[in-house]
Amino acid sequence: MTNKTDRIIIFDTTLRDGEQCPGATLNIDEKLVIAKQLARLGVDVIEAGFAFASPGDFEAVKKIAQIVGIENGPVVCSLARAIKADIEAAAEALKPAVNARIHTFISTSDIHLEYQLRKSRAEVLAIAEEMVAYAKSFMTDIEFSPMDAARTDPEFLYQVLERAIAAGATTVNIPDTVGYTTPSEFGAMIKGIIENVPNIDQAIISVHGHNDLGLAVANFLEAVKNGARQLECTINGIGERAGNASLEELVMALHVRRQYFNPYLGRPADSQESLTNIDTRQIYKTSRLVSNLTGMLVQPNKAIVGANAFAHESGIHQDGVLKNKLTYEIMDAQLIGLTDNQIVLGKHSGRNAFRTRLKELGFELSDTELNKAFVRFKEVADKKKEISDWDLEAIVNDEIQQAPDLFRVELVQVSCGSNARPTATVTLRTPEGEELTDAAIGTGPVDAVYKAINRVVNVPNELIEFSVQSVTAGIDAIGEVTIRLRYESKVFSGHAANTDIIVASAQAYVNALNRLYASLQTQQKPEEVTAQKV
């Protein structure tokens, strides 16, 4: 592989860097659901996790390698520090994958060397070379990252990259770890690497960046113009602090403006061939899935996948769009998987029609998952006359989420009004199968429900976020509730959808409490893993 490739490789790190966002912790089954969808989306590389970080991460990488890392499937990757134990864990977890990659890294900026690694430049050079070669002994596809490259002395960066490539790195990733650089600076950095690393033609140049200044996507596009050919990004731009470069924004920028970018990749300017392997019609579905499972809501004005991305309120804009969409829309909503299809199924629809429509929407469910979703669909169809594709997605995503099934909501009953004290009665089934009922008074119906649930579960927690979204318009719309709880330094999210917003609130809260409860029952790995980011 060389940097002369005429397309852009999409490296998705939603399951690794994206999951490091507070509250976005996913269990193994949820990671697998997302990995399958990323494969349908057409990403080239899935960074499935950090195998050494915990037994859970190891098992997640291994399971994704087994089920998603098939022939003609994406490359499955595991992150590893430039330490033998990390590399060995990554190699072992990745064994089932047909196409696998170890991504190893070490800090190179002087500030990191002095205060974090406490090593000299010479020591870092030797470690990088030795550990890349060690990783190469397990597999041929090796990626190397000099962490905090954007703040690394250029001359030292060139030396590290040259040694890593000579040792066997097939991809060298240039991370803007702290989201500090600007587009012109990042482009110049990539150009400098191409001009000053003698063996750079033996590796793909990749970029990774955080969005602390809101410049990650712009930085990446400038890097592409200067020779970068792999982009490390996440769905919805989730990740630590302000997040990562957004996959959907990068892909659609390259698609909509391909006439502009074509010459930088050695193509005729008027070429209509896509610059990536991404199936753009899967973008919206993938965005929704990741949002639901992580509990990280997408802001309405988010580019590409936000609720307002294709909405028009201005009279002038509405008039123009009605006459010709191109007056105020630079892309068709159907291109990212949005449709105008409103009613697709009703309460008389059968299981086969339900399965067929879900398949058209991109859902591949097991028989058990289908049965659960069909029962829920029938319940909703009895309450709603019209079931839209968005309703179906909410139903299915809610039913197939794999949160620990410990406590279960059996009954929610509330009493409230303008001159009444909001009171809630709840019945939960405990992990031991016992039904417990309690009641509480709150400032509102949801507060009363949560206080009653807390009395039953009896696990200390702090509610830090409660949000409600309507899936579709109308008084009978399905409401989606997302909850985030804090326990000590950890954040746990919960999500639920229901036509009854109080019931959805109770289910989302119990969902989050189940994650918290399961975490308390799990013994942590004794080794402390630090520097889990690039």
Protein backbone atom coordinates (compact mmCIF):
# COMPACT_ATOMS: atom_id res chain seq x y z
CA MET A 1 0.00 0.00 0.00
CA THR A 2 1.20 3.53 -0.76
CA ASN A 3 -0.06 7.03 -0.29
CA LYS A 4 -0.86 7.11 -4.00
CA THR A 5 -4.12 5.19 -3.46
CA ASP A 6 -6.95 7.05 -5.22
CA ARG A 7 -9.56 6.58 -2.52
CA ILE A 8 -9.94 7.39 1.15
CA ILE A 9 -9.83 4.59 3.74
CA ILE A 10 -12.39 5.04 6.51
CA PHE A 11 -11.13 3.83 9.90
CA ASP A 12 -13.95 3.82 12.43
CA THR A 13 -13.01 4.10 16.10
CA THR A 14 -16.52 4.47 17.56
CA LEU A 15 -16.07 1.28 19.58
CA ARG A 16 -12.71 2.36 20.99
CA ASP A 17 -12.23 6.12 21.18
CA GLY A 18 -15.95 6.85 20.89
CA GLU A 19 -16.72 4.59 23.83
CA GLN A 20 -14.31 6.59 26.00
CA CYS A 21 -16.88 9.39 26.06
CA PRO A 22 -18.27 9.55 29.63
CA GLY A 23 -21.46 7.53 29.87
CA ALA A 24 -21.06 5.87 26.47
CA THR A 25 -19.88 2.52 27.87
CA LEU A 26 -21.18 -0.42 25.82
CA ASN A 27 -21.41 -4.09 26.71
CA ILE A 28 -20.13 -6.83 24.39
CA ASP A 29 -23.44 -7.52 22.67
CA GLU A 30 -24.07 -3.83 22.05
CA LYS A 31 -20.60 -3.47 20.55
CA LEU A 32 -21.33 -6.40 18.27
CA VAL A 33 -24.62 -4.84 17.10
CA ILE A 34 -22.76 -1.64 16.21
CA ALA A 35 -19.88 -3.53 14.56
CA LYS A 36 -22.33 -5.39 12.31
CA GLN A 37 -23.90 -2.09 11.28
CA LEU A 38 -20.47 -0.54 10.64
CA ALA A 39 -19.76 -3.45 8.31
CA ARG A 40 -23.04 -2.77 6.47
CA LEU A 41 -22.07 0.90 6.33
CA GLY A 42 -18.91 -0.14 4.52
CA VAL A 43 -16.13 1.09 6.79
CA ASP A 44 -12.73 -0.29 5.85
CA VAL A 45 -11.35 -0.72 9.37
CA ILE A 46 -13.15 -1.19 12.69
CA GLU A 47 -11.09 -0.40 15.78
CA ALA A 48 -12.98 -2.82 18.01
CA GLY A 49 -11.34 -1.86 21.28
CA PHE A 50 -8.25 -1.96 23.46
CA ALA A 51 -7.79 -5.69 24.10
CA PHE A 52 -5.44 -5.33 27.08
CA ALA A 53 -7.56 -2.72 28.88
CA SER A 54 -9.98 -5.20 30.49
CA PRO A 55 -11.36 -8.74 30.10
CA GLY A 56 -14.53 -7.18 28.67
CA ASP A 57 -12.59 -5.29 26.00
CA PHE A 58 -10.63 -8.43 25.13
CA GLU A 59 -13.80 -10.48 24.68
CA ALA A 60 -15.45 -7.71 22.64
CA VAL A 61 -12.50 -7.52 20.24
CA LYS A 62 -12.43 -11.31 19.97
CA LYS A 63 -16.17 -11.62 19.32
CA ILE A 64 -16.15 -8.87 16.69
CA ALA A 65 -13.13 -10.53 15.06
CA GLN A 66 -15.06 -13.82 14.93
CA ILE A 67 -18.38 -12.52 13.63
CA VAL A 68 -17.57 -9.36 11.65
CA GLY A 69 -13.97 -10.04 10.63
CA ILE A 70 -14.98 -12.41 7.81
CA GLU A 71 -13.78 -12.79 4.23
CA ASN A 72 -14.53 -9.56 2.32
CA GLY A 73 -15.45 -7.92 5.63
CA PRO A 74 -13.72 -4.96 7.30
CA VAL A 75 -10.29 -5.13 8.87
CA VAL A 76 -10.71 -5.61 12.63
CA CYS A 77 -8.20 -3.66 14.71
CA SER A 78 -7.16 -3.51 18.36
CA LEU A 79 -5.27 -0.68 20.01
CA ALA A 80 -2.13 -1.55 21.98
CA ARG A 81 0.45 0.51 23.80
CA ALA A 82 4.03 -0.06 22.70
CA ILE A 83 4.33 -2.74 25.37
CA LYS A 84 4.70 -6.47 24.75
CA ALA A 85 1.79 -7.50 26.97
CA ASP A 86 -0.55 -5.11 25.14
CA ILE A 87 0.56 -6.36 21.73
CA GLU A 88 0.23 -10.00 22.77
CA ALA A 89 -3.32 -9.42 24.05
CA ALA A 90 -4.27 -7.66 20.81
CA ALA A 91 -2.82 -10.44 18.67
CA GLU A 92 -4.64 -13.13 20.66
CA ALA A 93 -7.99 -11.33 20.54
CA LEU A 94 -7.66 -10.72 16.80
CA LYS A 95 -6.83 -14.32 15.88
CA PRO A 96 -10.33 -15.16 14.55
CA ALA A 97 -10.36 -12.27 12.05
CA VAL A 98 -9.54 -12.93 8.40
CA ASN A 99 -8.12 -9.42 8.12
CA ALA A 100 -6.64 -8.06 11.36
CA ARG A 101 -4.53 -5.10 12.41
CA ILE A 102 -2.60 -4.19 15.54
CA HIS A 103 -2.51 -0.44 16.19
CA THR A 104 0.33 0.37 18.55
CA PHE A 105 1.30 3.79 19.87
CA ILE A 106 3.71 5.74 22.04
CA SER A 107 3.92 9.42 22.94
CA THR A 108 6.45 11.56 21.07
CA SER A 109 5.87 15.18 22.13
CA ASP A 110 8.42 16.60 24.57
CA ILE A 111 5.69 17.46 27.10
CA HIS A 112 4.49 13.85 27.10
CA LEU A 113 8.03 12.47 27.25
CA GLU A 114 8.90 14.63 30.25
CA TYR A 115 5.73 14.41 32.31
CA GLN A 116 4.03 11.16 31.26
CA LEU A 117 6.57 8.67 29.93
CA ARG A 118 9.66 10.10 31.67
CA LYS A 119 11.79 8.83 28.79
CA SER A 120 14.30 10.39 26.42
CA ARG A 121 13.83 10.74 22.68
CA ALA A 122 16.42 8.03 22.09
CA GLU A 123 14.51 5.63 24.34
CA VAL A 124 11.23 6.34 22.54
CA LEU A 125 12.87 5.76 19.14
CA ALA A 126 14.16 2.40 20.28
CA ILE A 127 10.83 1.36 21.84
CA ALA A 128 8.84 2.34 18.75
CA GLU A 129 11.11 0.36 16.47
CA GLU A 130 11.22 -2.70 18.73
CA MET A 131 7.47 -2.84 19.41
CA VAL A 132 6.41 -2.32 15.80
CA ALA A 133 8.72 -5.19 14.85
CA TYR A 134 7.24 -7.28 17.67
CA ALA A 135 3.70 -6.58 16.46
CA LYS A 136 4.82 -7.45 12.93
CA SER A 137 5.80 -10.92 14.17
CA PHE A 138 2.09 -11.62 14.76
CA MET A 139 0.53 -10.18 11.59
CA THR A 140 1.38 -8.18 8.48
CA ASP A 141 -1.00 -5.23 8.94
CA ILE A 142 0.50 -2.90 11.56
CA GLU A 143 -0.42 0.69 12.34
CA PHE A 144 1.80 2.97 14.37
CA SER A 145 0.80 6.24 16.06
CA PRO A 146 3.15 8.81 17.59
CA MET A 147 0.76 10.11 20.25
CA ASP A 148 0.46 13.91 20.41
CA ALA A 149 2.11 14.16 16.99
CA ALA A 150 0.65 17.63 16.44
CA ARG A 151 2.82 18.96 19.29
CA THR A 152 5.89 16.86 18.46
CA ASP A 153 9.08 18.45 17.12
CA PRO A 154 8.87 17.79 13.33
CA GLU A 155 12.44 16.53 12.98
CA PHE A 156 11.93 14.00 15.78
CA LEU A 157 8.54 13.01 14.32
CA TYR A 158 10.18 12.26 10.96
CA GLN A 159 12.77 10.04 12.69
CA VAL A 160 10.13 8.08 14.62
CA LEU A 161 8.00 7.51 11.52
CA GLU A 162 10.97 6.41 9.44
CA ARG A 163 12.04 3.88 12.09
CA ALA A 164 8.47 2.59 12.54
CA ILE A 165 7.99 2.06 8.80
CA ALA A 166 11.37 0.34 8.52
CA ALA A 167 10.30 -1.98 11.35
CA GLY A 168 7.14 -2.98 9.48
CA ALA A 169 4.39 -0.38 9.98
CA THR A 170 2.07 -0.35 6.97
CA THR A 171 0.05 2.64 8.23
CA VAL A 172 1.39 5.61 10.18
CA ASN A 173 -1.22 7.65 11.98
CA ILE A 174 -0.74 11.34 12.79
CA PRO A 175 -2.91 12.22 15.81
CA ASP A 176 -3.96 15.66 16.94
CA THR A 177 -4.53 14.17 20.39
CA VAL A 178 -5.60 17.39 22.10
CA GLY A 179 -7.48 19.02 19.22
CA TYR A 180 -5.09 21.97 19.08
CA THR A 181 -4.01 22.32 15.46
CA THR A 182 -5.62 24.31 12.63
CA PRO A 183 -6.27 23.17 9.03
CA SER A 184 -3.31 24.96 7.46
CA GLU A 185 -0.97 23.68 10.16
CA PHE A 186 -2.25 20.11 9.87
CA GLY A 187 -1.97 20.16 6.09
CA ALA A 188 1.57 21.47 6.33
CA MET A 189 2.43 18.72 8.81
CA ILE A 190 1.28 16.00 6.40
CA LYS A 191 3.14 17.66 3.55
CA GLY A 192 6.28 17.85 5.68
CA ILE A 193 6.05 14.13 6.49
CA ILE A 194 5.80 13.21 2.81
CA GLU A 195 8.77 15.41 1.97
CA ASN A 196 11.02 14.40 4.88
CA VAL A 197 10.36 10.72 5.67
CA PRO A 198 12.39 8.79 3.07
CA ASN A 199 10.34 5.56 3.20
CA ILE A 200 6.89 7.15 3.53
CA ASP A 201 5.83 5.64 0.19
CA GLN A 202 5.81 2.25 1.96
CA ALA A 203 2.93 3.21 4.27
CA ILE A 204 -0.47 4.83 4.24
CA ILE A 205 -0.67 8.16 6.07
CA SER A 206 -3.62 8.24 8.46
CA VAL A 207 -4.97 11.09 10.60
CA HIS A 208 -6.75 11.11 13.95
CA GLY A 209 -8.04 14.24 15.65
CA HIS A 210 -10.22 15.59 18.41
CA ASN A 211 -12.72 18.39 18.02
CA ASP A 212 -11.82 20.64 20.96
CA LEU A 213 -11.77 23.74 18.73
CA GLY A 214 -14.43 22.48 16.32
CA LEU A 215 -11.81 21.99 13.59
CA ALA A 216 -11.42 18.21 13.37
CA VAL A 217 -13.30 17.70 10.08
CA ALA A 218 -11.69 20.74 8.47
CA ASN A 219 -8.26 19.51 9.61
CA PHE A 220 -8.87 16.09 8.06
CA LEU A 221 -10.02 17.49 4.72
CA GLU A 222 -6.89 19.62 4.55
CA ALA A 223 -4.83 16.53 5.39
CA VAL A 224 -6.46 14.68 2.47
CA LYS A 225 -5.41 17.47 0.12
CA ASN A 226 -1.83 17.04 1.32
CA GLY A 227 -1.60 13.26 1.05
CA ALA A 228 -3.42 11.59 3.96
CA ARG A 229 -5.38 8.57 2.75
CA GLN A 230 -6.92 7.13 5.93
CA LEU A 231 -9.30 9.04 8.20
CA GLU A 232 -9.89 7.89 11.79
CA CYS A 233 -13.35 9.01 12.84
CA THR A 234 -16.46 8.11 14.84
CA ILE A 235 -20.20 7.97 14.23
CA ASN A 236 -21.81 11.26 15.32
CA GLY A 237 -18.31 12.47 16.22
CA ILE A 238 -18.52 10.96 19.72
CA GLY A 239 -15.41 10.58 21.83
CA GLU A 240 -13.46 12.07 24.69
CA ARG A 241 -13.99 15.73 25.58
CA ALA A 242 -15.46 17.44 22.47
CA GLY A 243 -15.30 14.21 20.50
CA ASN A 244 -13.60 13.03 17.32
CA ALA A 245 -13.88 13.93 13.67
CA SER A 246 -17.37 12.94 12.53
CA LEU A 247 -17.54 10.06 10.03
CA GLU A 248 -20.77 11.22 8.40
CA GLU A 249 -19.50 14.77 7.93
CA LEU A 250 -16.23 13.62 6.38
CA VAL A 251 -17.86 11.09 4.06
CA MET A 252 -20.55 13.46 2.84
CA ALA A 253 -18.09 16.35 2.40
CA LEU A 254 -15.97 14.09 0.19
CA HIS A 255 -19.07 12.89 -1.66
CA VAL A 256 -20.84 16.21 -2.25
CA ARG A 257 -17.57 18.02 -3.12
CA ARG A 258 -15.85 15.18 -4.97
CA GLN A 259 -15.23 17.39 -8.02
CA TYR A 260 -13.13 19.58 -5.73
CA PHE A 261 -11.26 16.69 -4.08
CA ASN A 262 -10.84 14.43 -7.14
CA PRO A 263 -7.65 16.08 -8.45
CA TYR A 264 -5.94 15.68 -5.06
CA LEU A 265 -6.41 11.93 -5.43
CA GLY A 266 -5.21 11.85 -9.04
CA ARG A 267 -8.68 11.58 -10.55
CA PRO A 268 -10.31 13.64 -13.30
CA ALA A 269 -12.22 16.52 -11.71
CA ASP A 270 -15.51 15.39 -13.25
CA SER A 271 -15.24 11.77 -12.02
CA GLN A 272 -18.47 10.60 -10.37
CA GLU A 273 -16.88 7.63 -8.63
CA SER A 274 -17.18 7.73 -4.84
CA LEU A 275 -14.06 8.67 -2.89
CA THR A 276 -14.86 6.15 -0.13
CA ASN A 277 -16.37 2.68 0.15
CA ILE A 278 -19.16 3.94 2.43
CA ASP A 279 -22.79 3.09 1.57
CA THR A 280 -24.17 6.53 2.37
CA ARG A 281 -27.74 5.16 2.59
CA GLN A 282 -26.71 3.48 5.85
CA ILE A 283 -25.49 6.70 7.48
CA TYR A 284 -28.69 7.81 9.18
CA LYS A 285 -29.50 4.34 10.50
CA THR A 286 -25.97 3.96 11.90
CA SER A 287 -26.19 7.36 13.55
CA ARG A 288 -29.48 6.48 15.24
CA LEU A 289 -28.20 3.10 16.40
CA VAL A 290 -25.06 4.55 17.99
CA SER A 291 -27.05 7.37 19.58
CA ASN A 292 -29.55 4.94 21.09
CA LEU A 293 -27.03 2.43 22.41
CA THR A 294 -24.58 4.97 23.83
CA GLY A 295 -27.19 7.40 25.14
CA MET A 296 -25.35 10.23 23.35
CA LEU A 297 -28.08 12.31 21.72
CA VAL A 298 -27.52 14.00 18.37
CA GLN A 299 -28.10 17.74 18.52
CA PRO A 300 -30.91 18.90 16.18
CA ASN A 301 -28.60 21.20 14.20
CA LYS A 302 -25.87 18.56 13.76
CA ALA A 303 -24.63 18.44 10.18
CA ILE A 304 -25.89 15.54 8.04
CA VAL A 305 -27.79 13.54 10.71
CA GLY A 306 -29.38 16.19 12.95
CA ALA A 307 -33.19 16.42 13.04
CA ASN A 308 -33.03 19.86 11.40
CA ALA A 309 -30.46 18.98 8.73
CA PHE A 310 -33.16 18.78 6.03
CA ALA A 311 -35.79 20.99 7.68
CA HIS A 312 -36.80 24.41 6.38
CA GLU A 313 -38.76 27.02 8.33
CA SER A 314 -37.97 30.23 6.45
CA GLY A 315 -40.74 31.05 3.97
CA ILE A 316 -38.21 31.93 1.28
CA HIS A 317 -36.37 28.64 1.81
CA GLN A 318 -39.59 26.62 1.80
CA ASP A 319 -40.71 28.24 -1.44
CA GLY A 320 -37.39 27.53 -3.08
CA VAL A 321 -37.23 23.90 -1.96
CA LEU A 322 -40.77 23.24 -3.16
CA LYS A 323 -39.82 24.55 -6.60
CA ASN A 324 -36.43 22.82 -6.74
CA LYS A 325 -34.63 21.11 -3.84
CA LEU A 326 -31.26 22.29 -5.14
CA THR A 327 -32.14 25.89 -4.27
CA TYR A 328 -31.43 25.27 -0.59
CA GLU A 329 -30.32 21.62 -0.29
CA ILE A 330 -26.89 20.47 -1.42
CA MET A 331 -27.71 16.78 -0.95
CA ASP A 332 -30.78 14.55 -1.11
CA ALA A 333 -32.02 13.28 2.26
CA GLN A 334 -32.50 9.84 0.69
CA LEU A 335 -28.75 9.73 0.08
CA ILE A 336 -28.13 9.20 3.82
CA GLY A 337 -31.05 6.79 4.25
CA LEU A 338 -33.86 9.19 5.15
CA THR A 339 -37.16 8.53 3.38
CA ASP A 340 -40.49 10.26 3.12
CA ASN A 341 -42.24 6.94 3.72
CA GLN A 342 -44.70 7.56 6.55
CA ILE A 343 -46.99 4.54 6.92
CA VAL A 344 -45.45 1.18 6.21
CA LEU A 345 -47.19 -1.21 8.60
CA GLY A 346 -50.27 -1.34 10.79
CA LYS A 347 -51.82 -3.46 13.53
CA HIS A 348 -53.04 -6.04 10.99
CA SER A 349 -49.60 -6.59 9.49
CA GLY A 350 -48.12 -10.06 9.86
CA ARG A 351 -44.74 -11.28 11.04
CA ASN A 352 -43.44 -11.83 7.49
CA ALA A 353 -44.31 -8.29 6.40
CA PHE A 354 -42.69 -7.00 9.58
CA ARG A 355 -39.52 -9.01 8.95
CA THR A 356 -39.39 -7.94 5.29
CA ARG A 357 -39.72 -4.24 6.10
CA LEU A 358 -37.05 -4.45 8.80
CA LYS A 359 -34.72 -6.12 6.32
CA GLU A 360 -35.36 -3.29 3.85
CA LEU A 361 -34.43 -0.86 6.62
CA GLY A 362 -31.15 -2.74 7.16
CA PHE A 363 -31.96 -4.69 10.32
CA GLU A 364 -30.72 -8.29 10.46
CA LEU A 365 -32.41 -9.81 13.51
CA SER A 366 -32.17 -13.26 15.03
CA ASP A 367 -35.44 -15.16 15.52
CA THR A 368 -35.42 -14.27 19.22
CA GLU A 369 -34.84 -10.58 18.52
CA LEU A 370 -37.51 -10.60 15.82
CA ASN A 371 -40.06 -12.17 18.15
CA LYS A 372 -39.37 -9.59 20.86
CA ALA A 373 -39.57 -6.72 18.38
CA PHE A 374 -42.78 -8.09 16.79
CA VAL A 375 -44.56 -8.33 20.15
CA ARG A 376 -43.54 -4.74 20.89
CA PHE A 377 -44.64 -3.65 17.41
CA LYS A 378 -48.11 -5.11 17.98
CA GLU A 379 -48.37 -3.29 21.30
CA VAL A 380 -47.49 0.02 19.67
CA ALA A 381 -49.72 -0.63 16.65
CA ASP A 382 -52.71 -0.99 18.98
CA LYS A 383 -52.01 2.52 20.25
CA LYS A 384 -50.97 4.21 17.00
CA LYS A 385 -52.91 4.19 13.73
CA GLU A 386 -49.84 4.84 11.60
CA ILE A 387 -46.43 3.26 12.09
CA SER A 388 -43.59 5.00 10.27
CA ASP A 389 -40.09 3.78 9.48
CA TRP A 390 -38.80 5.97 12.29
CA ASP A 391 -41.24 4.34 14.70
CA LEU A 392 -40.03 0.91 13.58
CA GLU A 393 -36.40 1.90 14.13
CA ALA A 394 -37.20 3.14 17.63
CA ILE A 395 -39.07 -0.07 18.47
CA VAL A 396 -36.34 -2.37 17.16
CA ASN A 397 -33.42 -0.41 18.63
CA ASP A 398 -35.17 -0.34 22.00
CA GLU A 399 -35.93 -4.06 21.98
CA ILE A 400 -32.57 -5.38 20.81
CA GLN A 401 -30.46 -3.32 23.20
CA GLN A 402 -28.45 -5.72 25.29
CA ALA A 403 -28.38 -3.94 28.64
CA PRO A 404 -28.09 -6.35 31.60
CA ASP A 405 -31.56 -7.75 32.30
CA LEU A 406 -31.39 -7.52 36.08
CA PHE A 407 -34.22 -5.36 37.41
CA ARG A 408 -37.32 -5.23 35.21
CA VAL A 409 -40.22 -2.78 35.25
CA GLU A 410 -43.49 -4.64 35.83
CA LEU A 411 -45.80 -1.75 36.77
CA VAL A 412 -45.76 2.03 36.72
CA GLN A 413 -48.69 4.03 38.03
CA VAL A 414 -48.72 7.77 38.67
CA SER A 415 -51.12 10.33 40.07
CA CYS A 416 -50.54 14.02 39.44
CA GLY A 417 -52.25 17.28 38.57
CA SER A 418 -52.25 21.01 39.18
CA ASN A 419 -53.56 20.68 42.75
CA ALA A 420 -52.17 17.24 43.57
CA ARG A 421 -48.86 16.00 44.91
CA PRO A 422 -47.26 13.83 42.20
CA THR A 423 -47.24 10.24 43.49
CA ALA A 424 -45.87 7.14 41.81
CA THR A 425 -46.18 3.43 42.51
CA VAL A 426 -43.73 1.05 40.83
CA THR A 427 -43.27 -2.69 40.82
CA LEU A 428 -39.91 -4.13 39.81
CA ARG A 429 -38.84 -7.72 39.31
CA THR A 430 -35.48 -8.24 41.00
CA PRO A 431 -32.58 -10.30 39.61
CA GLU A 432 -33.73 -13.10 41.94
CA GLY A 433 -37.24 -13.07 40.40
CA GLU A 434 -38.98 -11.42 43.36
CA GLU A 435 -41.52 -8.66 42.74
CA LEU A 436 -41.07 -5.58 44.92
CA THR A 437 -43.44 -2.62 45.06
CA ASP A 438 -42.87 0.83 46.52
CA ALA A 439 -44.27 4.33 46.22
CA ALA A 440 -42.92 7.87 46.50
CA ILE A 441 -43.87 11.52 46.21
CA GLY A 442 -41.88 13.80 43.92
CA THR A 443 -41.80 17.28 42.39
CA GLY A 444 -43.35 15.80 39.24
CA PRO A 445 -44.48 12.39 37.95
CA VAL A 446 -41.06 11.38 36.62
CA ASP A 447 -39.30 12.49 39.80
CA ALA A 448 -41.81 10.47 41.83
CA VAL A 449 -41.23 7.39 39.63
CA TYR A 450 -37.46 7.68 40.02
CA LYS A 451 -37.66 8.07 43.78
CA ALA A 452 -39.86 4.97 43.99
CA ILE A 453 -37.45 2.99 41.80
CA ASN A 454 -34.50 4.09 43.94
CA ARG A 455 -36.28 2.82 47.04
CA VAL A 456 -36.57 -0.61 45.44
CA VAL A 457 -33.13 -0.88 43.81
CA ASN A 458 -31.27 0.88 46.64
CA VAL A 459 -28.13 1.71 44.65
CA PRO A 460 -26.69 5.20 45.27
CA ASN A 461 -26.57 7.34 42.13
CA GLU A 462 -26.85 10.91 40.88
CA LEU A 463 -29.11 11.73 37.93
CA ILE A 464 -27.09 14.09 35.72
CA GLU A 465 -29.11 14.10 32.51
CA PHE A 466 -32.71 13.45 31.52
CA SER A 467 -33.82 14.10 27.95
CA VAL A 468 -36.92 13.31 25.91
CA GLN A 469 -37.23 13.26 22.14
CA SER A 470 -40.23 12.63 19.93
CA VAL A 471 -39.51 10.09 17.18
CA THR A 472 -42.24 11.39 14.89
CA ALA A 473 -44.76 14.23 14.87
CA GLY A 474 -48.21 13.91 16.40
CA ILE A 475 -49.81 13.49 19.79
CA ASP A 476 -49.39 9.69 19.55
CA ALA A 477 -45.67 9.85 18.76
CA ILE A 478 -43.25 7.42 20.34
CA GLY A 479 -41.16 9.22 22.91
CA GLU A 480 -37.50 8.31 23.44
CA VAL A 481 -35.98 8.93 26.85
CA THR A 482 -32.26 9.01 27.52
CA ILE A 483 -30.89 8.92 31.08
CA ARG A 484 -27.37 9.44 32.38
CA LEU A 485 -26.42 8.54 35.96
CA ARG A 486 -23.22 9.15 37.85
CA TYR A 487 -21.85 6.77 40.46
CA GLU A 488 -18.53 7.94 41.92
CA SER A 489 -16.44 8.78 38.82
CA LYS A 490 -18.38 6.63 36.32
CA VAL A 491 -21.34 7.59 34.15
CA PHE A 492 -24.00 5.09 33.02
CA SER A 493 -26.61 5.68 30.33
CA GLY A 494 -30.07 4.22 29.79
CA HIS A 495 -32.47 4.48 26.87
CA ALA A 496 -36.08 3.48 26.24
CA ALA A 497 -38.89 4.25 23.80
CA ASN A 498 -42.64 4.10 24.41
CA THR A 499 -45.83 5.91 23.48
CA ASP A 500 -46.22 6.57 27.22
CA ILE A 501 -43.42 8.93 28.20
CA ILE A 502 -43.70 8.08 31.91
CA VAL A 503 -43.26 4.36 31.16
CA ALA A 504 -40.33 5.16 28.86
CA SER A 505 -38.78 7.26 31.63
CA ALA A 506 -39.07 4.38 34.11
CA GLN A 507 -37.64 1.86 31.66
CA ALA A 508 -34.72 4.12 30.71
CA TYR A 509 -33.90 4.74 34.38
CA VAL A 510 -33.96 1.03 35.20
CA ASN A 511 -31.85 0.39 32.09
CA ALA A 512 -29.17 2.77 33.41
CA LEU A 513 -29.43 1.34 36.94
CA ASN A 514 -28.94 -2.16 35.55
CA ARG A 515 -25.68 -1.06 33.92
CA LEU A 516 -24.57 0.50 37.18
CA TYR A 517 -25.61 -2.58 39.17
CA ALA A 518 -23.82 -4.92 36.74
CA SER A 519 -20.68 -2.78 36.96
CA LEU A 520 -20.69 -3.08 40.74
CA GLN A 521 -20.90 -6.86 40.44
CA THR A 522 -17.97 -7.07 38.02
CA GLN A 523 -14.48 -7.36 39.39
CA GLN A 524 -12.08 -4.94 37.73
CA LYS A 525 -8.82 -6.07 36.18
CA PRO A 526 -5.98 -5.37 38.67
CA GLU A 527 -3.55 -3.87 36.15
CA GLU A 528 -4.08 -0.16 35.69
CA VAL A 529 -4.22 0.82 32.05
CA THR A 530 -3.39 4.43 31.26
CA ALA A 531 -3.11 6.53 28.11
CA GLN A 532 -6.06 4.81 26.42
CA LYS A 533 -6.34 7.47 23.79
CA VAL A 534 -4.51 8.54 20.68
